Amino acid sequence: MAAHRILLVEDNELDIELAQLVFQERGLDGQVAVARDGQEALDYLRRRGVFESRPEGHPALVLLDLNMPRVSGFQVLSSVKNDPDLRHVPIVVFSTSKVDRTACEELGADDYVPKPSSFEAFLSTMQDLTNTWLDHLSA
């Protein structure tokens, strides 16, 4: 497994592009997978469907939006944290919702970071979040 493989679960194309800029700055090109809804995230994590041939092992970090089509972030979080094979995978909820922190903590989220609305704040928050978690996981 690549030391810092990340799964970004996000349905907003602009947020995906901004996050990928931060990942490129960190030198993570080619180590970030994107799932555009909760079903894709679960398929990726369980190596099903189009992801059955992805490299073995789990991502070092999942950045999870909550409000997505098909399967919500809450459902992904609950499913992953109740799966003995996946529960150890760190999940950081990165969402515009400011009221769901407690529910996410109760479901087992490892961190909850409100997604800022401005471009500059988004980039700064994503940089801080990525640096904090990847440095923590490397230690």
Protein backbone atom coordinates (compact mmCIF):
# COMPACT_ATOMS: atom_id res chain seq x y z
CA MET A 1 0.00 0.00 0.00
CA ALA A 2 1.24 3.48 -0.79
CA ALA A 3 2.08 5.22 2.46
CA HIS A 4 -0.34 8.07 1.92
CA ARG A 5 -3.08 6.82 -0.34
CA ILE A 6 -6.19 8.97 0.20
CA LEU A 7 -9.82 8.44 -0.73
CA LEU A 8 -11.64 11.72 -1.33
CA VAL A 9 -15.40 11.23 -1.20
CA GLU A 10 -16.89 14.36 -2.72
CA ASP A 11 -19.58 15.17 -5.28
CA ASN A 12 -18.75 18.85 -5.83
CA GLU A 13 -16.41 19.15 -8.84
CA LEU A 14 -14.93 22.48 -7.70
CA ASP A 15 -14.13 21.07 -4.26
CA ILE A 16 -12.50 18.06 -5.92
CA GLU A 17 -10.33 20.33 -8.07
CA LEU A 18 -9.30 22.48 -5.10
CA ALA A 19 -8.49 19.43 -2.99
CA GLN A 20 -6.40 17.98 -5.81
CA LEU A 21 -4.38 21.23 -5.95
CA VAL A 22 -3.51 20.76 -2.29
CA PHE A 23 -2.65 17.09 -2.83
CA GLN A 24 -0.37 18.02 -5.76
CA GLU A 25 1.44 20.57 -3.57
CA ARG A 26 1.98 17.83 -1.00
CA GLY A 27 3.41 15.52 -3.70
CA LEU A 28 0.52 13.09 -3.59
CA ASP A 29 -0.10 12.90 -7.34
CA GLY A 30 -1.39 9.47 -8.22
CA GLN A 31 -2.12 8.58 -4.60
CA VAL A 32 -5.58 10.10 -4.36
CA ALA A 33 -8.71 8.29 -5.48
CA VAL A 34 -11.99 10.15 -5.87
CA ALA A 35 -15.43 8.71 -5.20
CA ARG A 36 -18.23 11.02 -6.30
CA ASP A 37 -20.91 9.49 -4.08
CA GLY A 38 -21.23 7.21 -1.10
CA GLN A 39 -21.85 4.08 -3.16
CA GLU A 40 -18.61 4.62 -5.08
CA ALA A 41 -16.80 5.11 -1.77
CA LEU A 42 -18.06 1.80 -0.40
CA ASP A 43 -17.25 0.03 -3.67
CA TYR A 44 -13.73 1.47 -3.57
CA LEU A 45 -13.15 0.46 0.04
CA ARG A 46 -14.49 -3.05 -0.54
CA ARG A 47 -12.81 -3.44 -3.96
CA ARG A 48 -16.10 -4.03 -5.78
CA GLY A 49 -17.30 -3.21 -9.29
CA VAL A 50 -15.01 -0.85 -11.20
CA PHE A 51 -12.63 -0.83 -8.20
CA GLU A 52 -12.11 -4.60 -7.90
CA SER A 53 -8.72 -4.32 -9.57
CA ARG A 54 -7.44 -1.36 -7.52
CA PRO A 55 -4.31 -2.01 -5.47
CA GLU A 56 -4.82 -4.08 -2.35
CA GLY A 57 -4.88 -2.46 1.05
CA HIS A 58 -6.88 0.38 2.46
CA PRO A 59 -6.33 4.10 2.10
CA ALA A 60 -4.36 5.83 4.83
CA LEU A 61 -7.13 8.41 5.07
CA VAL A 62 -10.70 8.98 3.88
CA LEU A 63 -11.94 12.56 3.49
CA LEU A 64 -15.71 12.28 3.53
CA ASP A 65 -18.39 14.76 2.55
CA LEU A 66 -21.79 14.10 4.14
CA ASN A 67 -24.35 15.32 1.62
CA MET A 68 -24.02 13.11 -1.44
CA PRO A 69 -26.26 11.28 -3.88
CA ARG A 70 -27.16 7.57 -3.65
CA VAL A 71 -25.53 6.80 -0.30
CA SER A 72 -24.98 9.58 2.22
CA GLY A 73 -21.77 10.25 4.09
CA PHE A 74 -23.52 9.19 7.29
CA GLN A 75 -24.29 5.81 5.74
CA VAL A 76 -20.69 5.44 4.53
CA LEU A 77 -19.33 6.36 7.95
CA SER A 78 -21.63 3.94 9.74
CA SER A 79 -20.94 1.12 7.29
CA VAL A 80 -17.16 1.53 7.46
CA LYS A 81 -16.96 1.87 11.24
CA ASN A 82 -19.14 -1.24 11.67
CA ASP A 83 -17.00 -3.33 9.30
CA PRO A 84 -14.23 -5.20 11.16
CA ASP A 85 -11.98 -5.05 8.08
CA LEU A 86 -12.41 -1.29 7.57
CA ARG A 87 -13.09 0.26 10.99
CA HIS A 88 -9.42 1.14 11.52
CA VAL A 89 -9.35 3.35 8.38
CA PRO A 90 -9.28 6.98 9.57
CA ILE A 91 -12.25 8.99 8.34
CA VAL A 92 -12.26 12.76 8.49
CA VAL A 93 -15.63 14.30 7.75
CA PHE A 94 -15.10 17.44 5.66
CA SER A 95 -18.52 18.96 5.15
CA THR A 96 -20.39 22.25 4.81
CA SER A 97 -22.77 21.05 7.51
CA LYS A 98 -22.00 22.73 10.81
CA VAL A 99 -24.59 20.83 12.87
CA ASP A 100 -23.65 17.19 12.31
CA ARG A 101 -20.44 16.97 14.37
CA THR A 102 -22.02 15.07 17.28
CA ALA A 103 -23.75 12.56 15.01
CA CYS A 104 -20.50 11.94 13.14
CA GLU A 105 -18.54 11.49 16.36
CA GLU A 106 -21.15 9.00 17.58
CA LEU A 107 -20.79 7.05 14.32
CA GLY A 108 -17.01 6.88 14.81
CA ALA A 109 -15.57 9.73 12.71
CA ASP A 110 -11.94 10.30 13.57
CA ASP A 111 -12.27 14.05 13.01
CA TYR A 112 -14.82 16.58 11.82
CA VAL A 113 -13.72 19.65 9.89
CA PRO A 114 -16.28 22.20 8.68
CA LYS A 115 -15.75 23.01 5.01
CA PRO A 116 -15.23 26.77 4.56
CA SER A 117 -17.12 28.59 1.84
CA SER A 118 -14.37 30.91 0.57
CA PHE A 119 -11.72 29.77 -1.90
CA GLU A 120 -8.76 30.89 0.24
CA ALA A 121 -10.14 29.42 3.45
CA PHE A 122 -10.96 26.14 1.69
CA LEU A 123 -7.38 25.78 0.42
CA SER A 124 -5.90 26.70 3.79
CA THR A 125 -8.17 24.32 5.70
CA MET A 126 -7.50 21.48 3.24
CA GLN A 127 -3.74 22.06 3.55
CA ASP A 128 -3.91 22.05 7.35
CA LEU A 129 -6.14 18.98 7.42
CA THR A 130 -3.97 17.03 4.99
CA ASN A 131 -0.72 17.99 6.71
CA THR A 132 -2.06 17.20 10.17
CA TRP A 133 -3.45 13.78 9.26
CA LEU A 134 -0.67 12.61 7.00
CA ASP A 135 1.99 13.73 9.48
CA HIS A 136 0.06 11.96 12.25
CA LEU A 137 -0.21 8.77 10.21
CA SER A 138 3.49 8.87 9.33
CA ALA A 139 4.57 9.18 12.96
